[in-house]
Amino acid sequence: MELLNYELFIILSIDLILGDNMIKRGIYKVLITIILVIFGTLLINKSNNIKNIIYENIYDNYLNLAYIKKLYNNTIGDIIPFQNIIIEDIVFNEKSSYKEINKYNNGVSLKLNNNIVNSLDSGIVIFIGNKDNFNKTVIIETNNGVEEWYGNLDNINVNLYDYVNKNTILGNTKNNNLYLEFKKGDKYLDYKEFL
């Protein structure tokens, strides 16, 4: 009888400590992630074939971080259980409208009606800085592996490795000119697919 009371006490204590379902789900997600990392590490150390596959796909080839985040969120869920409550992005409801379009480098130059630049698709910010002929540039890697280059920016509202949703305000342009390029791997894509 005492053993039963002791077990009941432990179960109730654990339930009180874990409390809310949101906390339980967060702990489960962390534990699942730890188990996956340990299992992956053991596989890599045990098999040279798996180690070679990892080296080829991560170190030698292109790694799509946006796709990995999407896959993680679809299978396990957000890392932060209350992330949907937090408002992170400034979203612009209108598409960027432009007066004229001209060929520029491997992409286009748009003369915008206003100087606000919003993202054309969801993805992860993989670069912020200066690029040749592009000035201040933001590069977003979308879920399908396309790099969207936004050049000639002035005030940038996003940070490196931020996940941005479609129509998130990235910043402003200088002189209402926006330079855009679309790239997948080493291949430049036609802008008409995206505008």
N, C-alpha and C. Protein backbone atom coordinates (compact mmCIF):
# COMPACT_ATOMS: atom_id res chain seq x y z
N MET A 1 0.82 -1.20 0.00
CA MET A 1 0.00 0.00 0.00
C MET A 1 0.87 1.26 0.00
N GLU A 2 1.95 1.25 0.80
CA GLU A 2 2.84 2.40 0.84
C GLU A 2 3.51 2.63 -0.51
N LEU A 3 3.86 1.54 -1.20
CA LEU A 3 4.49 1.65 -2.51
C LEU A 3 3.55 2.31 -3.51
N LEU A 4 2.29 1.98 -3.46
CA LEU A 4 1.30 2.56 -4.35
C LEU A 4 1.16 4.06 -4.10
N ASN A 5 1.14 4.46 -2.81
CA ASN A 5 1.06 5.89 -2.46
C ASN A 5 2.31 6.63 -2.94
N TYR A 6 3.46 5.99 -2.82
CA TYR A 6 4.72 6.60 -3.26
C TYR A 6 4.70 6.82 -4.78
N GLU A 7 4.26 5.81 -5.54
CA GLU A 7 4.17 5.95 -7.00
C GLU A 7 3.17 7.04 -7.38
N LEU A 8 2.06 7.09 -6.70
CA LEU A 8 1.05 8.11 -6.97
C LEU A 8 1.62 9.49 -6.66
N PHE A 9 2.39 9.61 -5.59
CA PHE A 9 3.02 10.88 -5.24
C PHE A 9 3.99 11.33 -6.33
N ILE A 10 4.80 10.40 -6.85
CA ILE A 10 5.76 10.72 -7.91
C ILE A 10 5.02 11.18 -9.17
N ILE A 11 3.98 10.46 -9.56
CA ILE A 11 3.22 10.82 -10.76
C ILE A 11 2.59 12.19 -10.60
N LEU A 12 2.00 12.47 -9.46
CA LEU A 12 1.39 13.78 -9.23
C LEU A 12 2.44 14.88 -9.20
N SER A 13 3.60 14.60 -8.63
CA SER A 13 4.68 15.59 -8.58
C SER A 13 5.16 15.93 -9.99
N ILE A 14 5.35 14.89 -10.80
CA ILE A 14 5.80 15.12 -12.18
C ILE A 14 4.75 15.92 -12.94
N ASP A 15 3.47 15.58 -12.74
CA ASP A 15 2.40 16.29 -13.42
C ASP A 15 2.35 17.76 -12.98
N LEU A 16 2.59 18.02 -11.70
CA LEU A 16 2.61 19.41 -11.21
C LEU A 16 3.81 20.17 -11.77
N ILE A 17 4.95 19.49 -11.85
CA ILE A 17 6.15 20.15 -12.36
C ILE A 17 5.97 20.48 -13.84
N LEU A 18 5.47 19.51 -14.60
CA LEU A 18 5.30 19.75 -16.04
C LEU A 18 4.12 20.67 -16.31
N GLY A 19 3.09 20.58 -15.48
CA GLY A 19 1.97 21.50 -15.56
C GLY A 19 1.27 21.51 -16.89
N ASP A 20 1.31 22.64 -17.55
CA ASP A 20 0.56 22.91 -18.76
C ASP A 20 0.98 21.99 -19.91
N ASN A 21 0.05 21.68 -20.80
CA ASN A 21 0.35 20.86 -21.97
C ASN A 21 1.40 21.51 -22.86
N MET A 22 1.44 22.84 -22.89
CA MET A 22 2.40 23.55 -23.72
C MET A 22 3.82 23.24 -23.23
N ILE A 23 4.01 23.17 -21.94
CA ILE A 23 5.34 22.86 -21.39
C ILE A 23 5.69 21.41 -21.70
N LYS A 24 4.71 20.50 -21.57
CA LYS A 24 4.96 19.09 -21.89
C LYS A 24 5.37 18.93 -23.34
N ARG A 25 4.64 19.60 -24.24
CA ARG A 25 4.97 19.50 -25.66
C ARG A 25 6.36 20.05 -25.93
N GLY A 26 6.73 21.15 -25.27
CA GLY A 26 8.06 21.71 -25.44
C GLY A 26 9.15 20.75 -24.98
N ILE A 27 8.92 20.11 -23.84
CA ILE A 27 9.90 19.14 -23.33
C ILE A 27 9.98 17.94 -24.26
N TYR A 28 8.85 17.47 -24.77
CA TYR A 28 8.85 16.34 -25.70
C TYR A 28 9.62 16.70 -26.97
N LYS A 29 9.44 17.91 -27.48
CA LYS A 29 10.14 18.34 -28.69
C LYS A 29 11.64 18.36 -28.46
N VAL A 30 12.04 18.87 -27.31
CA VAL A 30 13.48 18.92 -26.99
C VAL A 30 14.03 17.50 -26.89
N LEU A 31 13.30 16.62 -26.22
CA LEU A 31 13.76 15.23 -26.08
C LEU A 31 13.84 14.53 -27.42
N ILE A 32 12.85 14.74 -28.29
CA ILE A 32 12.88 14.12 -29.63
C ILE A 32 14.08 14.64 -30.42
N THR A 33 14.34 15.94 -30.33
CA THR A 33 15.48 16.51 -31.04
C THR A 33 16.79 15.92 -30.53
N ILE A 34 16.92 15.79 -29.21
CA ILE A 34 18.14 15.20 -28.63
C ILE A 34 18.31 13.76 -29.09
N ILE A 35 17.22 12.99 -29.10
CA ILE A 35 17.29 11.59 -29.54
C ILE A 35 17.70 11.52 -31.01
N LEU A 36 17.13 12.39 -31.85
CA LEU A 36 17.49 12.39 -33.27
C LEU A 36 18.96 12.74 -33.48
N VAL A 37 19.46 13.71 -32.73
CA VAL A 37 20.88 14.10 -32.85
C VAL A 37 21.78 12.96 -32.41
N ILE A 38 21.46 12.32 -31.29
CA ILE A 38 22.28 11.19 -30.80
C ILE A 38 22.24 10.04 -31.80
N PHE A 39 21.04 9.70 -32.29
CA PHE A 39 20.90 8.62 -33.26
C PHE A 39 21.68 8.94 -34.55
N GLY A 40 21.57 10.17 -35.02
CA GLY A 40 22.30 10.58 -36.22
C GLY A 40 23.80 10.50 -36.02
N THR A 41 24.27 10.94 -34.86
CA THR A 41 25.71 10.89 -34.55
C THR A 41 26.21 9.46 -34.51
N LEU A 42 25.43 8.58 -33.91
CA LEU A 42 25.83 7.16 -33.86
C LEU A 42 25.90 6.56 -35.26
N LEU A 43 24.91 6.89 -36.11
CA LEU A 43 24.92 6.38 -37.48
C LEU A 43 26.13 6.88 -38.26
N ILE A 44 26.44 8.16 -38.10
CA ILE A 44 27.57 8.74 -38.82
C ILE A 44 28.88 8.09 -38.39
N ASN A 45 29.04 7.87 -37.09
CA ASN A 45 30.28 7.28 -36.58
C ASN A 45 30.40 5.79 -36.92
N LYS A 46 29.27 5.12 -37.09
CA LYS A 46 29.30 3.68 -37.32
C LYS A 46 29.54 3.33 -38.79
N SER A 47 29.05 4.15 -39.72
CA SER A 47 29.11 3.79 -41.13
C SER A 47 29.83 4.86 -41.95
N ASN A 48 30.84 4.43 -42.69
CA ASN A 48 31.57 5.35 -43.57
C ASN A 48 30.71 5.78 -44.75
N ASN A 49 29.80 4.91 -45.21
CA ASN A 49 28.92 5.27 -46.32
C ASN A 49 28.02 6.44 -45.93
N ILE A 50 27.44 6.39 -44.75
CA ILE A 50 26.58 7.48 -44.28
C ILE A 50 27.40 8.74 -44.07
N LYS A 51 28.61 8.58 -43.54
CA LYS A 51 29.49 9.74 -43.35
C LYS A 51 29.80 10.41 -44.69
N ASN A 52 30.07 9.62 -45.72
CA ASN A 52 30.35 10.18 -47.05
C ASN A 52 29.12 10.88 -47.62
N ILE A 53 27.94 10.32 -47.42
CA ILE A 53 26.70 10.95 -47.89
C ILE A 53 26.50 12.29 -47.20
N ILE A 54 26.73 12.33 -45.90
CA ILE A 54 26.60 13.58 -45.14
C ILE A 54 27.60 14.62 -45.66
N TYR A 55 28.85 14.24 -45.83
CA TYR A 55 29.86 15.19 -46.32
C TYR A 55 29.49 15.72 -47.70
N GLU A 56 29.03 14.85 -48.59
CA GLU A 56 28.68 15.28 -49.94
C GLU A 56 27.50 16.24 -49.94
N ASN A 57 26.49 15.95 -49.12
CA ASN A 57 25.26 16.76 -49.15
C ASN A 57 25.30 17.99 -48.27
N ILE A 58 26.17 18.02 -47.30
CA ILE A 58 26.23 19.19 -46.42
C ILE A 58 27.44 20.05 -46.71
N TYR A 59 28.60 19.45 -46.83
CA TYR A 59 29.82 20.24 -47.00
C TYR A 59 30.11 20.59 -48.46
N ASP A 60 29.85 19.65 -49.37
CA ASP A 60 30.22 19.87 -50.77
C ASP A 60 29.09 20.51 -51.57
N ASN A 61 27.87 20.17 -51.29
CA ASN A 61 26.73 20.68 -52.06
C ASN A 61 25.99 21.75 -51.29
N TYR A 62 24.94 22.19 -51.87
CA TYR A 62 24.12 23.27 -51.35
C TYR A 62 23.14 22.73 -50.30
N LEU A 63 23.07 23.34 -49.13
CA LEU A 63 22.18 22.92 -48.06
C LEU A 63 21.04 23.94 -47.94
N ASN A 64 19.81 23.50 -48.12
CA ASN A 64 18.64 24.37 -48.10
C ASN A 64 18.09 24.46 -46.68
N LEU A 65 18.47 25.52 -45.96
CA LEU A 65 18.05 25.69 -44.57
C LEU A 65 16.55 25.94 -44.45
N ALA A 66 15.97 26.65 -45.40
CA ALA A 66 14.54 26.93 -45.34
C ALA A 66 13.74 25.64 -45.46
N TYR A 67 14.19 24.72 -46.32
CA TYR A 67 13.49 23.45 -46.47
C TYR A 67 13.60 22.62 -45.19
N ILE A 68 14.76 22.63 -44.55
CA ILE A 68 14.95 21.89 -43.30
C ILE A 68 14.03 22.44 -42.21
N LYS A 69 13.92 23.77 -42.12
CA LYS A 69 13.03 24.37 -41.13
C LYS A 69 11.58 24.00 -41.40
N LYS A 70 11.18 24.04 -42.67
CA LYS A 70 9.81 23.67 -43.03
C LYS A 70 9.53 22.21 -42.69
N LEU A 71 10.47 21.32 -43.00
CA LEU A 71 10.33 19.90 -42.69
C LEU A 71 10.23 19.68 -41.18
N TYR A 72 11.08 20.36 -40.42
CA TYR A 72 11.06 20.25 -38.95
C TYR A 72 9.72 20.72 -38.40
N ASN A 73 9.23 21.88 -38.88
CA ASN A 73 7.96 22.42 -38.38
C ASN A 73 6.79 21.52 -38.74
N ASN A 74 6.83 20.90 -39.92
CA ASN A 74 5.74 20.03 -40.33
C ASN A 74 5.71 18.72 -39.56
N THR A 75 6.88 18.21 -39.17
CA THR A 75 6.92 16.92 -38.49
C THR A 75 6.88 17.06 -36.97
N ILE A 76 7.64 17.97 -36.41
CA ILE A 76 7.72 18.11 -34.96
C ILE A 76 6.96 19.33 -34.46
N GLY A 77 6.96 20.40 -35.22
CA GLY A 77 6.30 21.64 -34.81
C GLY A 77 7.34 22.70 -34.51
N ASP A 78 6.88 23.88 -34.18
CA ASP A 78 7.79 24.97 -33.86
C ASP A 78 8.59 24.64 -32.62
N ILE A 79 9.82 25.14 -32.58
CA ILE A 79 10.67 24.92 -31.41
C ILE A 79 10.08 25.64 -30.21
N ILE A 80 9.60 26.84 -30.43
CA ILE A 80 8.97 27.62 -29.36
C ILE A 80 7.47 27.37 -29.42
N PRO A 81 6.87 26.75 -28.40
CA PRO A 81 5.46 26.38 -28.48
C PRO A 81 4.52 27.57 -28.62
N PHE A 82 4.87 28.73 -28.12
CA PHE A 82 3.98 29.89 -28.16
C PHE A 82 4.42 30.87 -29.24
N GLN A 83 5.14 30.40 -30.24
CA GLN A 83 5.68 31.28 -31.28
C GLN A 83 4.57 31.99 -32.05
N ASN A 84 3.42 31.34 -32.22
CA ASN A 84 2.34 31.96 -32.97
C ASN A 84 1.75 33.17 -32.26
N ILE A 85 1.97 33.29 -30.97
CA ILE A 85 1.49 34.44 -30.21
C ILE A 85 2.38 35.66 -30.46
N ILE A 86 3.67 35.41 -30.66
CA ILE A 86 4.63 36.50 -30.85
C ILE A 86 4.49 37.05 -32.26
N ILE A 87 4.35 38.36 -32.38
CA ILE A 87 4.29 39.00 -33.69
C ILE A 87 5.70 39.50 -34.02
N GLU A 88 6.31 38.90 -35.04
CA GLU A 88 7.70 39.22 -35.35
C GLU A 88 7.85 40.09 -36.58
N ASP A 89 7.06 39.83 -37.61
CA ASP A 89 7.27 40.46 -38.91
C ASP A 89 6.35 41.64 -39.12
N ILE A 90 6.87 42.64 -39.79
CA ILE A 90 6.05 43.73 -40.28
C ILE A 90 5.65 43.32 -41.69
N VAL A 91 4.37 43.11 -41.91
CA VAL A 91 3.91 42.60 -43.19
C VAL A 91 3.21 43.70 -43.96
N PHE A 92 3.50 43.75 -45.24
CA PHE A 92 2.95 44.74 -46.16
C PHE A 92 1.93 44.01 -47.01
N ASN A 93 0.67 44.42 -47.00
CA ASN A 93 -0.39 43.68 -47.67
C ASN A 93 -0.39 43.83 -49.18
N GLU A 94 0.25 44.84 -49.70
CA GLU A 94 0.25 45.05 -51.14
C GLU A 94 1.53 44.50 -51.75
N LYS A 95 1.42 44.11 -53.03
CA LYS A 95 2.64 43.76 -53.76
C LYS A 95 3.38 45.04 -54.07
N SER A 96 4.69 44.94 -54.20
CA SER A 96 5.46 46.10 -54.63
C SER A 96 5.05 46.42 -56.07
N SER A 97 4.66 47.64 -56.29
CA SER A 97 4.29 48.03 -57.65
C SER A 97 5.42 48.86 -58.24
N TYR A 98 5.59 48.73 -59.53
CA TYR A 98 6.70 49.41 -60.18
C TYR A 98 6.25 50.09 -61.47
N LYS A 99 6.99 51.15 -61.82
CA LYS A 99 6.68 51.94 -63.01
C LYS A 99 7.34 51.36 -64.24
N GLU A 100 8.57 50.92 -64.07
CA GLU A 100 9.31 50.38 -65.22
C GLU A 100 10.22 49.26 -64.77
N ILE A 101 10.58 48.43 -65.72
CA ILE A 101 11.44 47.28 -65.46
C ILE A 101 12.52 47.23 -66.55
N ASN A 102 13.77 47.02 -66.11
CA ASN A 102 14.90 46.97 -67.05
C ASN A 102 15.79 45.79 -66.68
N LYS A 103 16.46 45.24 -67.66
CA LYS A 103 17.43 44.18 -67.42
C LYS A 103 18.59 44.75 -66.62
N TYR A 104 19.06 44.01 -65.61
CA TYR A 104 20.19 44.47 -64.79
C TYR A 104 20.98 43.24 -64.35
N ASN A 105 22.25 43.18 -64.67
CA ASN A 105 23.11 42.03 -64.39
C ASN A 105 22.42 40.75 -64.86
N ASN A 106 22.19 39.81 -63.95
CA ASN A 106 21.49 38.57 -64.28
C ASN A 106 20.03 38.61 -63.84
N GLY A 107 19.56 39.79 -63.54
CA GLY A 107 18.18 39.95 -63.08
C GLY A 107 17.55 41.18 -63.67
N VAL A 108 16.84 41.93 -62.82
CA VAL A 108 16.13 43.13 -63.29
C VAL A 108 16.31 44.27 -62.31
N SER A 109 16.06 45.46 -62.82
CA SER A 109 15.99 46.67 -62.01
C SER A 109 14.57 47.18 -62.11
N LEU A 110 13.93 47.39 -60.97
CA LEU A 110 12.56 47.90 -60.93
C LEU A 110 12.56 49.32 -60.43
N LYS A 111 11.84 50.19 -61.08
CA LYS A 111 11.61 51.55 -60.59
C LYS A 111 10.28 51.48 -59.84
N LEU A 112 10.36 51.47 -58.50
CA LEU A 112 9.18 51.28 -57.65
C LEU A 112 8.35 52.55 -57.54
N ASN A 113 7.05 52.38 -57.29
CA ASN A 113 6.17 53.53 -57.04
C ASN A 113 6.43 54.12 -55.66
N ASN A 114 6.81 53.27 -54.71
CA ASN A 114 7.27 53.75 -53.40
C ASN A 114 8.55 53.00 -53.08
N ASN A 115 9.21 53.36 -52.03
CA ASN A 115 10.52 52.74 -51.77
C ASN A 115 10.46 51.58 -50.77
N ILE A 116 9.29 51.05 -50.47
CA ILE A 116 9.16 49.92 -49.54
C ILE A 116 9.34 48.61 -50.30
N VAL A 117 10.20 47.75 -49.76
CA VAL A 117 10.48 46.45 -50.39
C VAL A 117 9.96 45.35 -49.48
N ASN A 118 9.10 44.51 -50.04
CA ASN A 118 8.61 43.36 -49.28
C ASN A 118 9.05 42.07 -49.95
N SER A 119 9.12 41.00 -49.17
CA SER A 119 9.59 39.72 -49.69
C SER A 119 8.56 39.12 -50.63
N LEU A 120 9.04 38.48 -51.67
CA LEU A 120 8.16 37.86 -52.65
C LEU A 120 7.71 36.47 -52.23
N ASP A 121 8.47 35.84 -51.32
CA ASP A 121 8.15 34.50 -50.87
C ASP A 121 8.68 34.30 -49.46
N SER A 122 8.26 33.24 -48.80
CA SER A 122 8.74 32.92 -47.45
C SER A 122 10.10 32.23 -47.56
N GLY A 123 10.94 32.44 -46.53
CA GLY A 123 12.23 31.78 -46.51
C GLY A 123 13.12 32.31 -45.40
N ILE A 124 14.38 31.91 -45.44
CA ILE A 124 15.37 32.30 -44.43
C ILE A 124 16.34 33.31 -45.03
N VAL A 125 16.63 34.36 -44.28
CA VAL A 125 17.61 35.36 -44.70
C VAL A 125 19.00 34.74 -44.53
N ILE A 126 19.69 34.55 -45.66
CA ILE A 126 21.01 33.89 -45.60
C ILE A 126 22.16 34.86 -45.83
N PHE A 127 21.85 36.10 -46.22
CA PHE A 127 22.92 37.07 -46.44
C PHE A 127 22.36 38.48 -46.27
N ILE A 128 23.13 39.32 -45.57
CA ILE A 128 22.88 40.76 -45.50
C ILE A 128 24.24 41.42 -45.62
N GLY A 129 24.39 42.29 -46.59
CA GLY A 129 25.66 42.98 -46.76
C GLY A 129 25.76 43.59 -48.14
N ASN A 130 26.96 44.01 -48.51
CA ASN A 130 27.18 44.63 -49.81
C ASN A 130 27.61 43.59 -50.83
N LYS A 131 27.02 43.68 -52.01
CA LYS A 131 27.40 42.84 -53.16
C LYS A 131 27.80 43.77 -54.29
N ASP A 132 28.73 43.31 -55.13
CA ASP A 132 29.15 44.12 -56.28
C ASP A 132 27.96 44.46 -57.15
N ASN A 133 27.84 45.73 -57.53
CA ASN A 133 26.77 46.24 -58.39
C ASN A 133 25.38 46.15 -57.77
N PHE A 134 25.28 45.74 -56.51
CA PHE A 134 23.98 45.62 -55.86
C PHE A 134 23.86 46.49 -54.62
N ASN A 135 24.96 47.06 -54.15
CA ASN A 135 24.99 47.84 -52.90
C ASN A 135 24.52 46.97 -51.74
N LYS A 136 23.77 47.55 -50.78
CA LYS A 136 23.27 46.76 -49.65
C LYS A 136 22.26 45.75 -50.17
N THR A 137 22.48 44.49 -49.81
CA THR A 137 21.69 43.40 -50.38
C THR A 137 21.18 42.47 -49.28
N VAL A 138 19.97 41.96 -49.48
CA VAL A 138 19.40 40.90 -48.65
C VAL A 138 19.13 39.72 -49.57
N ILE A 139 19.61 38.54 -49.17
CA ILE A 139 19.34 37.32 -49.93
C ILE A 139 18.48 36.40 -49.07
N ILE A 140 17.36 35.98 -49.63
CA ILE A 140 16.44 35.07 -48.94
C ILE A 140 16.46 33.74 -49.68
N GLU A 141 16.65 32.66 -48.94
CA GLU A 141 16.55 31.32 -49.49
C GLU A 141 15.14 30.82 -49.22
N THR A 142 14.36 30.59 -50.29
CA THR A 142 12.97 30.18 -50.13
C THR A 142 12.88 28.68 -49.84
N ASN A 143 11.68 28.24 -49.50
CA ASN A 143 11.47 26.83 -49.17
C ASN A 143 11.79 25.88 -50.33
N ASN A 144 11.69 26.37 -51.57
CA ASN A 144 11.99 25.51 -52.72
C ASN A 144 13.43 25.67 -53.21
N GLY A 145 14.28 26.32 -52.43
CA GLY A 145 15.71 26.40 -52.73
C GLY A 145 16.12 27.54 -53.64
N VAL A 146 15.22 28.46 -53.95
CA VAL A 146 15.56 29.60 -54.80
C VAL A 146 16.11 30.72 -53.93
N GLU A 147 17.21 31.32 -54.37
CA GLU A 147 17.74 32.50 -53.70
C GLU A 147 17.15 33.74 -54.35
N GLU A 148 16.51 34.57 -53.55
CA GLU A 148 15.98 35.84 -54.04
C GLU A 148 16.92 36.94 -53.54
N TRP A 149 17.53 37.66 -54.48
CA TRP A 149 18.46 38.74 -54.16
C TRP A 149 17.71 40.06 -54.27
N TYR A 150 17.71 40.84 -53.20
CA TYR A 150 17.10 42.17 -53.16
C TYR A 150 18.23 43.18 -52.97
N GLY A 151 18.53 43.95 -54.00
CA GLY A 151 19.66 44.87 -53.93
C GLY A 151 19.26 46.33 -53.95
N ASN A 152 20.22 47.19 -53.62
CA ASN A 152 20.06 48.64 -53.56
C ASN A 152 19.13 49.06 -52.41
N LEU A 153 19.25 48.35 -51.30
CA LEU A 153 18.42 48.65 -50.12
C LEU A 153 19.11 49.71 -49.26
N ASP A 154 18.30 50.38 -48.47
CA ASP A 154 18.83 51.41 -47.58
C ASP A 154 18.64 50.99 -46.13
N ASN A 155 17.44 51.05 -45.62
CA ASN A 155 17.15 50.63 -44.25
C ASN A 155 16.66 49.20 -44.27
N ILE A 156 17.41 48.30 -43.66
CA ILE A 156 17.06 46.88 -43.67
C ILE A 156 16.39 46.53 -42.35
N ASN A 157 15.22 45.90 -42.43
CA ASN A 157 14.41 45.58 -41.24
C ASN A 157 14.52 44.14 -40.79
N VAL A 158 15.34 43.33 -41.42
CA VAL A 158 15.47 41.93 -41.05
C VAL A 158 16.89 41.65 -40.61
N ASN A 159 17.07 40.52 -39.93
CA ASN A 159 18.39 40.11 -39.46
C ASN A 159 18.79 38.80 -40.13
N LEU A 160 20.08 38.52 -40.10
CA LEU A 160 20.60 37.29 -40.66
C LEU A 160 19.96 36.09 -39.98
N TYR A 161 19.55 35.11 -40.74
CA TYR A 161 18.92 33.86 -40.30
C TYR A 161 17.50 34.03 -39.78
N ASP A 162 16.89 35.19 -40.00
CA ASP A 162 15.47 35.36 -39.70
C ASP A 162 14.66 34.54 -40.70
N TYR A 163 13.57 33.98 -40.24
CA TYR A 163 12.61 33.36 -41.15
C TYR A 163 11.57 34.43 -41.45
N VAL A 164 11.41 34.76 -42.72
CA VAL A 164 10.46 35.80 -43.11
C VAL A 164 9.32 35.17 -43.89
N ASN A 165 8.13 35.69 -43.66
CA ASN A 165 6.96 35.26 -44.40
C ASN A 165 6.83 36.07 -45.67
N LYS A 166 6.01 35.60 -46.57
CA LYS A 166 5.73 36.33 -47.80
C LYS A 166 5.18 37.70 -47.45
N ASN A 167 5.61 38.73 -48.16
CA ASN A 167 5.20 40.13 -47.98
C ASN A 167 5.75 40.78 -46.71
N THR A 168 6.74 40.19 -46.08
CA THR A 168 7.39 40.84 -44.94
C THR A 168 8.22 42.01 -45.46
N ILE A 169 8.16 43.13 -44.78
CA ILE A 169 8.93 44.30 -45.20
C ILE A 169 10.41 44.05 -44.91
N LEU A 170 11.21 44.12 -45.96
CA LEU A 170 12.65 43.90 -45.83
C LEU A 170 13.40 45.19 -45.57
N GLY A 171 12.89 46.30 -46.10
CA GLY A 171 13.54 47.59 -45.94
C GLY A 171 13.08 48.56 -47.00
N ASN A 172 13.89 49.59 -47.19
CA ASN A 172 13.61 50.62 -48.20
C ASN A 172 14.69 50.59 -49.26
N THR A 173 14.39 51.20 -50.41
CA THR A 173 15.37 51.29 -51.48
C THR A 173 15.95 52.70 -51.55
N LYS A 174 17.08 52.82 -52.22
CA LYS A 174 17.63 54.13 -52.55
C LYS A 174 17.03 54.54 -53.89
N ASN A 175 16.57 55.74 -54.00
CA ASN A 175 16.07 56.29 -55.27
C ASN A 175 14.95 55.46 -55.89
N ASN A 176 14.22 54.70 -55.09
CA ASN A 176 13.12 53.85 -55.56
C ASN A 176 13.54 52.81 -56.59
N ASN A 177 14.83 52.50 -56.68
CA ASN A 177 15.32 51.46 -57.59
C ASN A 177 15.63 50.20 -56.80
N LEU A 178 15.02 49.09 -57.21
CA LEU A 178 15.24 47.79 -56.58
C LEU A 178 15.88 46.86 -57.60
N TYR A 179 16.98 46.21 -57.21
CA TYR A 179 17.63 45.24 -58.07
C TYR A 179 17.23 43.85 -57.58
N LEU A 180 16.75 43.02 -58.49
CA LEU A 180 16.32 41.66 -58.15
C LEU A 180 17.05 40.63 -59.00
N GLU A 181 17.44 39.55 -58.36
CA GLU A 181 17.96 38.38 -59.08
C GLU A 181 17.38 37.15 -58.41
N PHE A 182 17.20 36.11 -59.22
CA PHE A 182 16.68 34.84 -58.73
C PHE A 182 17.63 33.75 -59.19
N LYS A 183 18.07 32.94 -58.23
CA LYS A 183 19.13 31.99 -58.50
C LYS A 183 18.83 30.68 -57.78
N LYS A 184 19.07 29.56 -58.44
CA LYS A 184 18.97 28.25 -57.81
C LYS A 184 20.25 27.50 -58.10
N GLY A 185 21.02 27.25 -57.05
CA GLY A 185 22.35 26.68 -57.24
C GLY A 185 23.22 27.68 -57.98
N ASP A 186 23.77 27.30 -59.12
CA ASP A 186 24.59 28.21 -59.94
C ASP A 186 23.81 28.78 -61.11
N LYS A 187 22.54 28.44 -61.23
CA LYS A 187 21.74 28.84 -62.39
C LYS A 187 20.86 30.05 -62.05
N TYR A 188 20.90 31.07 -62.91
CA TYR A 188 20.04 32.23 -62.74
C TYR A 188 18.69 31.93 -63.38
N LEU A 189 17.61 32.33 -62.70
CA LEU A 189 16.26 32.04 -63.16
C LEU A 189 15.62 33.30 -63.76
N ASP A 190 14.62 33.08 -64.61
CA ASP A 190 13.92 34.18 -65.26
C ASP A 190 13.02 34.87 -64.24
N TYR A 191 13.13 36.18 -64.18
CA TYR A 191 12.36 36.97 -63.21
C TYR A 191 10.86 36.87 -63.44
N LYS A 192 10.42 36.55 -64.66
CA LYS A 192 8.99 36.52 -64.98
C LYS A 192 8.25 35.44 -64.19
N GLU A 193 8.96 34.43 -63.72
CA GLU A 193 8.34 33.39 -62.89
C GLU A 193 7.96 33.91 -61.51
N PHE A 194 8.57 35.00 -61.07
CA PHE A 194 8.43 35.44 -59.69
C PHE A 194 7.68 36.78 -59.54
N LEU A 195 7.64 37.59 -60.58
CA LEU A 195 6.98 38.89 -60.48
C LEU A 195 5.57 38.84 -61.01
